[in-house]
Protein backbone atom coordinates (compact mmCIF):
# COMPACT_ATOMS: atom_id res chain seq x y z
CA UNK A 1 8.41 8.22 17.28
CA UNK A 2 6.90 5.05 15.84
CA UNK A 3 3.43 4.78 17.08
CA UNK A 4 1.03 2.84 14.93
CA UNK A 5 -0.84 4.65 11.81
CA UNK A 6 -3.20 4.08 9.22
CA UNK A 7 -1.79 4.75 5.61
CA UNK A 8 -4.14 5.02 2.49
CA UNK A 9 -3.01 5.13 -0.65
CA UNK A 10 -4.21 5.78 -4.30
CA UNK A 11 -1.68 4.96 -6.90
CA UNK A 12 -2.64 6.58 -10.40
CA UNK A 13 -0.98 5.04 -13.82
CA UNK A 14 -0.49 1.63 -15.70
CA UNK A 15 -1.26 -0.10 -11.86
CA UNK A 16 -3.65 -2.77 -13.35
CA UNK A 17 -3.05 -6.07 -14.91
CA UNK A 18 0.70 -6.14 -14.63
CA UNK A 19 1.01 -8.07 -11.14
CA UNK A 20 0.97 -4.37 -9.09
CA UNK A 21 -1.12 -6.03 -6.17
CA UNK A 22 0.90 -9.04 -5.82
CA UNK A 23 4.27 -7.04 -6.03
CA UNK A 24 2.50 -4.67 -3.16
CA UNK A 25 1.48 -7.60 -0.84
CA UNK A 26 4.71 -9.28 -1.37
CA UNK A 27 6.45 -6.13 -0.31
CA UNK A 28 4.24 -5.01 2.63
CA UNK A 29 4.70 -8.83 3.98
CA UNK A 30 8.71 -8.36 3.32
CA UNK A 31 8.55 -5.01 5.61
CA UNK A 32 6.83 -6.98 8.52
CA UNK A 33 4.30 -6.29 10.71
CA UNK A 34 1.40 -4.52 8.10
CA UNK A 35 -2.07 -5.39 7.74
CA UNK A 36 -4.47 -4.57 5.62
CA UNK A 37 -5.05 -5.05 1.73
CA UNK A 38 -4.25 -3.54 -1.79
CA UNK A 39 -7.24 -3.40 -4.22
CA UNK A 40 -7.97 -2.70 -8.29
CA UNK A 41 -10.27 0.26 -8.16
CA UNK A 42 -13.10 0.66 -11.01
CA UNK A 43 -11.28 4.10 -12.54
CA UNK A 44 -8.03 2.36 -12.93
CA UNK A 45 -6.18 3.35 -9.88
CA UNK A 46 -4.90 0.92 -7.05
CA UNK A 47 -5.88 1.58 -3.24
CA UNK A 48 -3.34 0.32 -0.84
CA UNK A 49 -4.40 0.54 2.94
CA UNK A 50 -1.72 -0.29 5.57
CA UNK A 51 -1.69 -0.39 9.47
CA UNK A 52 1.20 -0.85 11.52
CA UNK A 53 4.14 1.10 12.95
CA UNK A 54 4.54 4.21 11.34
CA UNK A 55 7.93 3.73 10.18
CA UNK A 56 6.83 0.62 8.44
CA UNK A 57 3.82 2.29 6.73
CA UNK A 58 6.47 4.90 5.20
CA UNK A 59 8.68 2.22 3.94
CA UNK A 60 6.00 0.98 2.09
CA UNK A 61 4.99 4.64 0.72
CA UNK A 62 8.48 5.04 -0.19
CA UNK A 63 8.64 1.98 -2.32
CA UNK A 64 5.25 2.88 -4.06
CA UNK A 65 6.68 6.00 -4.97
CA UNK A 66 9.96 4.95 -6.09
CA UNK A 67 9.39 3.80 -9.62
CA UNK A 68 10.45 0.06 -8.52
CA UNK A 69 6.96 -1.45 -8.92
CA UNK A 70 5.52 -3.31 -11.69
CA UNK A 71 3.86 -1.23 -14.62
CA UNK A 72 3.80 2.73 -14.07
CA UNK A 73 3.06 4.94 -11.51
CA UNK A 74 2.00 8.63 -12.53
CA UNK A 75 0.90 9.49 -9.30
CA UNK A 76 0.80 8.43 -5.30
CA UNK A 77 -1.94 10.32 -3.01
CA UNK A 78 -1.77 9.18 0.37
CA UNK A 79 -4.10 10.03 3.67
CA UNK A 80 -2.81 9.49 7.32
CA UNK A 81 -5.00 8.27 10.14
CA UNK A 82 -5.33 6.80 13.52
CA UNK A 83 -5.46 2.49 12.95
CA UNK A 84 -9.12 1.12 13.25
CA UNK A 85 -7.93 -2.51 13.12
CA UNK A 86 -9.83 -5.30 11.84
CA UNK A 87 -7.31 -6.82 9.33
CA UNK A 88 -5.86 -10.21 9.80
CA UNK A 89 -2.55 -10.13 7.58
CA UNK A 90 -2.05 -8.21 4.41
CA UNK A 91 -4.19 -9.43 1.48
CA UNK A 92 -4.65 -8.68 -2.01
CA UNK A 93 -8.05 -8.14 -2.97
């Protein structure tokens, strides 16, 4: 079961101003097959949206939860959905 999925993640903690977006983008590109973006939110969280094979989205989610990220992750909330497309590559916004 490796259908395409859309993963939206909100990451809480000390995740802005520490290279978090850059490393998240690099990790998504290293996993491969993912499109979407990572961006800072006004409330201090970071939003990650990834579309691609579900297994690859799960790998990105595992990395976000592993504590191997820059800064400090206090919590991760995710929502799974059907891909909608419209993204070229994976970018930091």
